[in-house]
N, C-alpha and C. Protein backbone atom coordinates (compact mmCIF):
# COMPACT_ATOMS: atom_id res chain seq x y z
N MET A 1 51.26 96.19 61.76
CA MET A 1 50.97 95.81 63.34
C MET A 1 51.06 97.36 64.20
N ALA A 2 50.15 96.84 65.27
CA ALA A 2 49.85 98.07 65.91
C ALA A 2 50.74 98.43 66.78
N LEU A 3 51.16 99.48 66.94
CA LEU A 3 52.48 100.06 68.15
C LEU A 3 51.11 99.44 69.57
N PRO A 4 52.29 99.22 70.66
CA PRO A 4 51.93 99.53 72.14
C PRO A 4 51.59 100.97 72.26
N THR A 5 50.49 101.11 73.26
CA THR A 5 50.26 102.49 73.72
C THR A 5 51.09 102.72 74.67
N HIS A 6 51.03 102.13 75.98
CA HIS A 6 51.99 102.38 77.02
C HIS A 6 52.91 101.50 76.80
N ILE A 7 54.46 101.65 77.15
CA ILE A 7 55.82 101.33 76.93
C ILE A 7 56.08 101.79 78.21
N ASP A 8 57.69 100.88 78.93
CA ASP A 8 58.44 101.19 79.43
C ASP A 8 59.64 102.05 78.84
N PRO A 9 59.91 103.00 78.20
CA PRO A 9 61.35 103.39 77.48
C PRO A 9 62.20 103.62 78.06
N ARG A 10 62.48 103.07 79.25
CA ARG A 10 64.09 102.71 80.24
C ARG A 10 64.45 101.15 79.60
N LYS A 11 63.36 100.59 79.61
CA LYS A 11 63.75 99.34 79.94
C LYS A 11 64.06 98.62 78.13
N LEU A 12 62.87 99.22 77.38
CA LEU A 12 63.34 99.63 75.95
C LEU A 12 64.67 99.77 75.23
N ALA A 13 65.43 101.32 76.13
CA ALA A 13 66.28 101.73 75.77
C ALA A 13 67.71 100.73 76.11
N LEU A 14 67.08 100.22 77.44
CA LEU A 14 68.20 99.00 78.08
C LEU A 14 68.71 97.85 77.06
N GLN A 15 67.64 97.56 76.26
CA GLN A 15 67.18 96.61 75.18
C GLN A 15 67.79 96.74 74.16
N GLY A 16 67.86 97.96 73.72
CA GLY A 16 68.02 98.32 72.37
C GLY A 16 67.09 98.07 71.15
N TYR A 17 65.95 98.25 71.66
CA TYR A 17 64.64 97.68 70.94
C TYR A 17 63.71 98.86 70.07
N LEU A 18 63.69 98.38 69.20
CA LEU A 18 63.26 99.19 67.57
C LEU A 18 61.59 98.24 67.28
N LEU A 19 61.09 99.38 67.52
CA LEU A 19 59.63 99.21 67.58
C LEU A 19 58.99 100.16 66.22
N GLU A 20 58.15 99.27 65.41
CA GLU A 20 57.45 99.37 64.17
C GLU A 20 56.47 99.06 63.76
N GLY A 21 55.42 100.02 63.14
CA GLY A 21 54.03 99.76 63.38
C GLY A 21 53.22 100.82 63.61
N GLU A 22 51.89 100.86 63.45
CA GLU A 22 50.91 102.28 62.91
C GLU A 22 50.02 102.22 64.43
N VAL A 23 49.62 103.52 64.45
CA VAL A 23 48.49 104.23 65.74
C VAL A 23 47.54 104.19 64.64
N LYS A 24 46.12 103.82 64.79
CA LYS A 24 45.11 103.99 64.63
C LYS A 24 44.69 105.31 64.76
N ALA A 25 43.66 106.06 64.10
CA ALA A 25 43.45 107.29 64.09
C ALA A 25 42.71 107.61 65.38
N ASP A 26 42.07 106.37 65.75
CA ASP A 26 41.38 106.74 67.21
C ASP A 26 42.11 106.83 68.27
N ASN A 27 43.21 106.50 68.24
CA ASN A 27 44.12 106.75 69.17
C ASN A 27 44.94 107.97 68.94
N LEU A 28 44.16 109.10 68.04
CA LEU A 28 45.25 110.16 68.05
C LEU A 28 43.93 111.53 67.58
N PRO A 29 43.19 111.66 69.25
CA PRO A 29 42.87 112.69 69.37
C PRO A 29 42.70 114.10 69.26
N ARG A 30 43.90 114.47 69.63
CA ARG A 30 44.02 115.86 69.26
C ARG A 30 44.56 115.95 68.02
N LEU A 31 45.60 115.34 66.74
CA LEU A 31 45.39 115.34 66.09
C LEU A 31 44.04 115.35 65.03
N ALA A 32 43.46 114.60 65.67
CA ALA A 32 42.00 114.13 65.14
C ALA A 32 41.39 115.76 65.21
N ALA A 33 41.24 116.76 66.01
CA ALA A 33 40.46 117.64 66.22
C ALA A 33 41.12 119.04 65.38
N SER A 34 42.40 118.66 65.09
CA SER A 34 43.05 119.53 64.27
C SER A 34 42.81 119.55 62.54
N VAL A 35 42.36 118.31 61.96
CA VAL A 35 42.09 117.97 60.81
C VAL A 35 40.89 118.11 60.62
N SER A 36 40.60 117.85 59.37
CA SER A 36 39.19 117.48 59.00
C SER A 36 39.14 116.16 59.04
N GLU A 37 39.89 115.17 58.61
CA GLU A 37 40.28 113.71 58.94
C GLU A 37 41.55 113.15 58.67
N ILE A 38 41.67 111.89 59.27
CA ILE A 38 43.03 111.54 58.89
C ILE A 38 42.64 110.41 58.80
N CYS A 39 43.60 110.06 57.59
CA CYS A 39 42.89 109.26 56.10
C CYS A 39 43.53 107.95 56.47
N LYS A 40 44.87 107.76 56.88
CA LYS A 40 45.76 106.42 57.18
C LYS A 40 46.10 106.49 58.51
N PRO A 41 46.11 105.43 58.83
CA PRO A 41 46.90 105.28 60.24
C PRO A 41 48.42 106.02 60.44
N LEU A 42 48.63 106.22 61.54
CA LEU A 42 50.04 106.99 61.51
C LEU A 42 51.06 105.72 62.02
N LYS A 43 52.14 105.83 60.53
CA LYS A 43 53.21 105.00 60.83
C LYS A 43 54.49 105.13 61.44
N ALA A 44 55.27 104.36 61.97
CA ALA A 44 56.05 105.31 63.27
C ALA A 44 57.35 103.81 62.77
N SER A 45 58.68 104.47 63.26
CA SER A 45 59.63 103.63 63.80
C SER A 45 60.60 104.53 64.63
N ILE A 46 60.46 103.32 65.76
CA ILE A 46 61.21 104.18 66.97
C ILE A 46 62.26 103.12 67.57
N GLN A 47 63.69 103.93 67.59
CA GLN A 47 64.72 103.32 67.57
C GLN A 47 64.60 103.48 69.44
N PHE A 48 65.27 102.36 70.34
CA PHE A 48 65.59 103.08 71.81
C PHE A 48 66.55 102.77 71.71
N GLU A 49 67.65 103.28 72.54
CA GLU A 49 68.64 102.95 72.81
C GLU A 49 69.61 103.76 74.04
N VAL A 50 70.69 103.27 74.45
CA VAL A 50 71.43 104.30 75.58
C VAL A 50 72.63 104.56 74.85
N ASP A 51 72.63 105.97 75.02
CA ASP A 51 73.92 106.86 74.19
C ASP A 51 75.12 106.69 75.14
N GLU A 52 75.92 107.17 74.57
CA GLU A 52 77.56 107.24 75.12
C GLU A 52 77.54 107.94 76.48
N SER A 53 76.57 108.77 76.99
CA SER A 53 76.87 109.20 78.40
C SER A 53 75.61 108.58 79.50
N ARG A 54 75.61 107.52 78.53
CA ARG A 54 74.06 106.21 79.53
C ARG A 54 72.82 107.00 79.84
N ALA A 55 72.43 108.20 78.54
CA ALA A 55 71.03 108.72 78.77
C ALA A 55 70.27 107.69 77.85
N LYS A 56 68.86 107.45 78.29
CA LYS A 56 67.93 106.48 77.42
C LYS A 56 67.61 107.63 76.62
N ILE A 57 67.40 107.11 75.46
CA ILE A 57 66.83 108.06 74.26
C ILE A 57 66.34 107.47 73.56
N ALA A 58 65.45 107.87 72.49
CA ALA A 58 64.70 107.49 71.53
C ALA A 58 64.38 108.23 70.16
N HIS A 59 64.87 107.79 69.05
CA HIS A 59 64.90 108.62 67.73
C HIS A 59 64.08 107.81 66.93
N GLY A 60 63.25 108.53 66.16
CA GLY A 60 62.56 108.06 64.95
C GLY A 60 62.15 108.93 64.03
N ILE A 61 60.51 108.06 63.18
CA ILE A 61 60.05 108.82 62.48
C ILE A 61 58.62 108.82 62.52
N ALA A 62 57.87 109.53 62.10
CA ALA A 62 56.21 109.16 62.40
C ALA A 62 55.81 109.84 61.02
N ASP A 63 54.73 108.73 59.94
CA ASP A 63 54.43 109.65 58.88
C ASP A 63 52.79 109.28 59.36
N VAL A 64 52.10 109.94 58.36
CA VAL A 64 50.72 110.18 58.14
C VAL A 64 49.71 111.05 57.25
N THR A 65 48.79 110.14 56.72
CA THR A 65 48.25 111.53 55.67
C THR A 65 47.11 112.18 56.66
N VAL A 66 46.69 113.46 56.27
CA VAL A 66 45.68 113.88 57.36
C VAL A 66 45.08 114.50 55.88
N SER A 67 43.53 114.99 55.85
CA SER A 67 42.89 115.75 55.27
C SER A 67 42.45 117.37 56.01
N ALA A 68 42.96 118.20 55.18
CA ALA A 68 42.56 119.62 56.03
C ALA A 68 41.70 120.47 55.18
N VAL A 69 41.59 121.95 55.25
CA VAL A 69 41.04 122.65 54.72
C VAL A 69 41.75 123.36 53.96
N CYS A 70 41.83 123.73 53.00
CA CYS A 70 42.19 124.34 51.95
C CYS A 70 42.20 125.90 52.00
N GLN A 71 43.03 127.08 52.52
CA GLN A 71 42.78 128.17 52.76
C GLN A 71 42.11 128.96 51.99
N ARG A 72 42.63 128.68 50.46
CA ARG A 72 42.28 129.19 49.45
C ARG A 72 40.86 128.95 48.68
N CYS A 73 40.18 127.96 48.38
CA CYS A 73 39.01 127.40 47.96
C CYS A 73 38.19 126.78 49.02
N LEU A 74 38.70 126.16 50.24
CA LEU A 74 37.83 125.93 51.87
C LEU A 74 37.50 124.54 50.91
N ASP A 75 38.20 123.60 50.02
CA ASP A 75 37.74 122.28 49.93
C ASP A 75 39.11 121.48 50.30
N PRO A 76 38.59 120.36 50.76
CA PRO A 76 39.72 119.46 50.98
C PRO A 76 40.79 119.34 50.58
N VAL A 77 42.16 119.22 51.09
CA VAL A 77 43.26 119.14 50.98
C VAL A 77 43.95 118.17 51.60
N GLN A 78 44.81 116.89 50.89
CA GLN A 78 45.21 115.99 51.61
C GLN A 78 47.13 116.46 51.35
N VAL A 79 47.21 116.32 52.88
CA VAL A 79 48.53 117.02 53.53
C VAL A 79 49.37 115.71 53.86
N ASP A 80 50.36 115.75 53.75
CA ASP A 80 51.77 113.90 54.37
C ASP A 80 52.36 115.21 55.22
N LEU A 81 52.11 114.12 56.40
CA LEU A 81 53.06 115.11 57.50
C LEU A 81 53.84 113.64 57.89
N HIS A 82 55.16 114.32 57.97
CA HIS A 82 56.29 113.61 58.45
C HIS A 82 56.57 114.32 59.68
N ALA A 83 57.77 113.40 60.14
CA ALA A 83 58.33 113.98 61.58
C ALA A 83 59.30 112.85 61.80
N GLU A 84 60.27 113.98 62.00
CA GLU A 84 61.31 113.22 62.71
C GLU A 84 61.93 113.54 63.70
N PHE A 85 62.51 112.61 64.87
CA PHE A 85 62.22 113.33 66.57
C PHE A 85 63.73 112.79 67.05
N ALA A 86 63.81 112.96 67.90
CA ALA A 86 65.35 112.23 68.97
C ALA A 86 64.92 112.91 70.19
N VAL A 87 64.80 112.25 71.18
CA VAL A 87 64.06 112.67 72.56
C VAL A 87 64.81 111.92 73.94
N GLN A 88 65.25 112.20 74.53
CA GLN A 88 65.71 111.39 75.91
C GLN A 88 64.73 111.47 77.21
N VAL A 89 64.57 110.28 77.80
CA VAL A 89 63.64 110.38 78.75
C VAL A 89 64.91 110.64 80.05
N ILE A 90 63.31 111.12 80.54
CA ILE A 90 63.67 111.99 82.12
C ILE A 90 62.76 111.76 82.75
N TRP A 91 63.35 111.62 83.99
CA TRP A 91 62.40 111.47 85.56
C TRP A 91 61.75 112.33 86.11
N SER A 92 62.06 113.72 86.07
CA SER A 92 61.36 114.63 86.66
C SER A 92 61.96 116.08 85.74
N GLU A 93 61.00 117.43 85.71
CA GLU A 93 61.56 118.22 85.27
C GLU A 93 62.79 119.27 85.89
N GLU A 94 62.92 118.65 87.15
CA GLU A 94 64.60 118.98 87.64
C GLU A 94 66.05 118.73 86.34
N HIS A 95 65.23 117.27 86.13
CA HIS A 95 66.51 116.74 85.10
C HIS A 95 66.40 117.35 83.75
N GLU A 96 65.68 118.11 83.29
CA GLU A 96 65.48 118.66 81.97
C GLU A 96 66.84 119.28 81.76
N ASP A 97 67.77 119.99 82.60
CA ASP A 97 68.84 120.82 82.22
C ASP A 97 70.32 120.06 81.80
N ARG A 98 69.65 118.48 82.06
CA ARG A 98 70.97 117.56 81.95
C ARG A 98 70.62 117.09 80.24
N VAL A 99 69.82 117.03 79.72
CA VAL A 99 69.20 117.10 78.03
C VAL A 99 70.46 117.31 76.92
N ALA A 100 70.50 116.46 76.49
CA ALA A 100 71.60 117.07 75.48
C ALA A 100 71.32 117.91 74.44
N LYS A 101 71.92 118.44 73.67
CA LYS A 101 71.38 119.54 73.07
C LYS A 101 70.63 119.02 72.23
N ASN A 102 70.97 117.80 71.34
CA ASN A 102 70.44 117.27 70.08
C ASN A 102 69.43 116.57 70.75
N TYR A 103 68.99 116.64 71.63
CA TYR A 103 67.58 115.45 72.17
C TYR A 103 66.39 116.56 72.65
N GLU A 104 65.32 116.15 72.86
CA GLU A 104 64.13 117.05 73.30
C GLU A 104 64.13 115.83 74.64
N PRO A 105 63.70 116.86 75.46
CA PRO A 105 63.20 116.19 76.70
C PRO A 105 61.62 114.99 76.74
N TRP A 106 61.61 114.22 77.08
CA TRP A 106 60.72 113.29 77.15
C TRP A 106 59.95 112.92 78.93
N LEU A 107 59.42 113.81 79.37
CA LEU A 107 59.25 113.70 81.09
C LEU A 107 58.27 112.34 81.00
N VAL A 108 58.83 111.01 81.69
CA VAL A 108 58.37 109.79 82.19
C VAL A 108 58.44 109.57 83.30
N VAL A 109 56.93 110.40 84.37
CA VAL A 109 57.15 110.49 85.85
C VAL A 109 57.38 109.02 86.05
N ASP A 110 55.68 108.00 85.62
CA ASP A 110 55.72 106.61 85.95
C ASP A 110 56.56 106.16 85.11
N LYS A 111 56.36 104.81 85.22
CA LYS A 111 57.51 103.95 84.74
C LYS A 111 57.01 103.57 83.58
N MET A 112 55.86 103.55 82.97
CA MET A 112 55.35 103.77 81.75
C MET A 112 54.69 104.94 81.48
N ALA A 113 54.79 104.56 80.07
CA ALA A 113 54.90 105.96 79.10
C ALA A 113 53.46 105.75 78.07
N ASN A 114 53.15 106.78 77.53
CA ASN A 114 52.54 106.96 76.51
C ASN A 114 52.62 106.85 75.29
N LEU A 115 53.07 106.33 74.04
CA LEU A 115 53.83 106.24 72.94
C LEU A 115 52.42 107.24 72.13
N ASN A 116 51.70 107.05 72.33
CA ASN A 116 50.79 107.41 70.92
C ASN A 116 50.81 109.45 71.53
N GLU A 117 50.64 109.42 72.45
CA GLU A 117 51.20 110.70 73.02
C GLU A 117 52.28 111.36 72.17
N LEU A 118 53.65 110.73 72.56
CA LEU A 118 54.79 111.39 72.01
C LEU A 118 54.86 111.19 70.54
N LEU A 119 54.37 110.42 69.88
CA LEU A 119 54.11 110.37 68.41
C LEU A 119 53.18 111.46 68.17
N GLU A 120 52.23 112.06 68.72
CA GLU A 120 51.04 112.71 68.43
C GLU A 120 51.70 113.90 68.54
N ASP A 121 52.09 114.70 69.69
CA ASP A 121 53.22 115.45 69.55
C ASP A 121 54.10 115.94 68.40
N GLU A 122 54.36 114.90 68.06
CA GLU A 122 55.45 115.13 66.61
C GLU A 122 54.83 115.26 65.34
N ILE A 123 53.96 114.87 65.16
CA ILE A 123 53.01 115.29 64.35
C ILE A 123 52.54 116.52 63.91
N LEU A 124 51.53 116.94 65.21
CA LEU A 124 51.26 118.14 65.52
C LEU A 124 52.29 118.90 65.14
N LEU A 125 53.56 118.98 65.69
CA LEU A 125 54.79 120.18 65.25
C LEU A 125 55.03 119.97 63.98
N ALA A 126 54.54 118.99 63.01
CA ALA A 126 55.22 119.10 61.53
C ALA A 126 53.80 119.59 61.23
N LEU A 127 52.22 119.63 61.85
CA LEU A 127 51.16 120.53 60.68
C LEU A 127 51.38 121.88 60.04
N PRO A 128 51.43 121.61 59.18
CA PRO A 128 51.61 123.60 58.65
C PRO A 128 50.79 124.25 59.14
N LEU A 129 50.91 125.60 59.57
CA LEU A 129 49.78 126.84 59.93
C LEU A 129 48.66 126.68 59.21
N VAL A 130 49.33 126.54 57.75
CA VAL A 130 48.34 127.10 56.76
C VAL A 130 48.20 125.96 55.34
N ASN A 131 47.45 125.27 55.11
CA ASN A 131 47.17 124.42 54.56
C ASN A 131 47.04 124.92 53.02
N TYR A 132 47.47 124.91 51.83
CA TYR A 132 47.16 124.50 50.37
C TYR A 132 47.08 123.70 49.59
N HIS A 133 46.29 123.83 48.39
CA HIS A 133 46.66 123.03 47.14
C HIS A 133 47.97 123.15 46.38
N ALA A 134 48.42 122.36 46.04
CA ALA A 134 49.36 123.08 45.20
C ALA A 134 49.07 123.53 43.94
N ASN A 135 50.02 124.44 43.39
CA ASN A 135 49.79 125.11 42.46
C ASN A 135 49.02 124.80 41.06
N GLY A 136 48.42 125.20 40.40
CA GLY A 136 47.76 124.73 39.74
C GLY A 136 45.97 123.57 39.93
N GLU A 137 46.03 123.06 41.00
CA GLU A 137 45.29 122.09 41.34
C GLU A 137 44.13 123.00 42.19
N CYS A 138 43.90 124.45 42.35
CA CYS A 138 43.22 125.30 43.47
C CYS A 138 42.19 125.92 42.51
N THR A 139 41.01 125.64 43.20
CA THR A 139 40.14 126.50 42.51
C THR A 139 40.11 128.06 42.68
N GLY A 140 40.55 128.34 43.91
CA GLY A 140 41.32 129.69 44.66
C GLY A 140 42.63 130.06 43.84
N ASP A 141 43.17 129.69 42.89
CA ASP A 141 44.18 130.04 41.81
C ASP A 141 43.80 131.29 41.19
N THR A 142 42.44 131.61 40.83
CA THR A 142 42.36 132.52 39.58
C THR A 142 42.35 133.65 40.73
N PHE A 143 41.81 133.48 42.20
CA PHE A 143 41.69 134.47 42.88
C PHE A 143 43.07 135.36 43.39
N VAL A 144 44.10 134.46 43.58
CA VAL A 144 45.56 134.58 43.70
C VAL A 144 46.13 135.32 42.74
N ALA A 145 45.81 135.40 41.49
CA ALA A 145 46.42 135.67 40.31
C ALA A 145 45.61 137.02 40.01
N GLU A 146 44.38 137.37 40.45
CA GLU A 146 44.00 138.51 40.28
C GLU A 146 44.64 139.82 41.47
N VAL A 147 44.83 139.08 42.86
CA VAL A 147 45.58 139.55 43.67
C VAL A 147 47.16 140.22 43.56
N ASP A 148 47.41 139.30 43.12
CA ASP A 148 48.64 139.65 42.33
C ASP A 148 48.61 140.82 41.01
N ALA A 149 47.76 140.49 40.53
CA ALA A 149 47.64 141.50 39.62
C ALA A 149 47.36 142.96 40.12
N ILE A 150 46.72 143.12 41.14
CA ILE A 150 46.13 144.48 41.95
C ILE A 150 47.27 144.98 42.51
N SER A 151 48.01 144.16 43.17
CA SER A 151 48.92 144.62 44.10
C SER A 151 50.14 145.39 42.70
N ASP A 152 49.99 144.62 41.74
CA ASP A 152 50.88 145.38 41.02
C ASP A 152 50.91 146.72 40.46
N GLU A 153 49.47 146.58 40.01
CA GLU A 153 48.58 148.29 39.94
C GLU A 153 49.06 148.82 41.26
N ALA A 154 48.65 148.55 42.17
CA ALA A 154 48.70 149.35 43.56
C ALA A 154 50.22 150.07 43.75
N ILE A 155 51.21 148.97 43.26
CA ILE A 155 52.54 149.96 43.39
C ILE A 155 52.83 150.95 42.68
N VAL A 156 52.32 150.69 41.58
CA VAL A 156 52.38 152.06 39.97
C VAL A 156 51.74 153.32 40.46
N ASP A 157 50.25 153.30 41.13
CA ASP A 157 49.79 154.23 41.69
C ASP A 157 49.50 154.38 43.24
N SER A 158 50.48 154.08 43.97
CA SER A 158 50.88 154.61 45.29
C SER A 158 50.81 156.30 45.49
N PRO A 159 50.61 156.39 46.55
CA PRO A 159 50.87 157.93 47.26
C PRO A 159 52.26 158.36 47.03
N PHE A 160 53.22 157.14 46.92
CA PHE A 160 54.47 157.73 46.94
C PHE A 160 55.00 157.87 45.42
N SER A 161 54.18 157.23 44.75
CA SER A 161 54.95 157.56 42.93
C SER A 161 54.85 158.98 42.85
N ILE A 162 53.61 160.03 43.73
CA ILE A 162 53.51 161.48 43.27
C ILE A 162 54.43 161.92 44.12
N LEU A 163 54.92 161.39 45.43
CA LEU A 163 56.09 162.22 45.93
C LEU A 163 57.28 161.89 45.00
N GLU A 164 57.73 160.80 44.13
CA GLU A 164 58.79 160.32 43.62
C GLU A 164 58.78 161.33 42.13
N GLN A 165 57.52 161.75 41.97
CA GLN A 165 57.13 162.87 40.56
C GLN A 165 58.23 164.20 41.39
N LEU A 166 57.18 164.63 42.16
CA LEU A 166 57.72 165.82 42.78
C LEU A 166 59.21 165.82 42.87
N LYS A 167 59.71 165.20 43.65
CA LYS A 167 61.15 164.65 43.99
C LYS A 167 62.17 165.15 42.13
N ARG A 168 61.52 164.10 41.32
CA ARG A 168 62.25 164.76 40.02
C ARG A 168 62.28 166.55 39.54
N ASN A 169 61.18 166.86 40.08
CA ASN A 169 60.63 168.58 39.31
C ASN A 169 61.60 169.11 40.27
């Protein structure tokens, strides 16, 4: 089931509504620009509710599988992204100081908010800075082993080893 793009988070919070579904890759342009390919639709589950301080909140999870470039071998690598989030709906930036510490602010100026943007923001934050294949699965692993061997030799032949020898004498 596809998640709606535009929602009224305040109304959903008052109703205690649970949204579950998918967002197609076409609706995630910033994520698509950050990775090689979005392999599967983003799956999400978002619970809207009112907390004990009467604040409208939403918390949930989002999962998606993307293909990115391995930084060792430059071949594609599949990366499973998982994001857990908890946000509090605010009406203006002046209300940002009223957000509880366990929530991030979600600025909804108009009555309607774009749910895809919220989910995309959370998944982008879960994207690793550097992508690698698992050890033993990458064609670039042989290079990593060579670099480790070279760095071990470099420690032995460092200029400070000469100073250490002079210190002993």
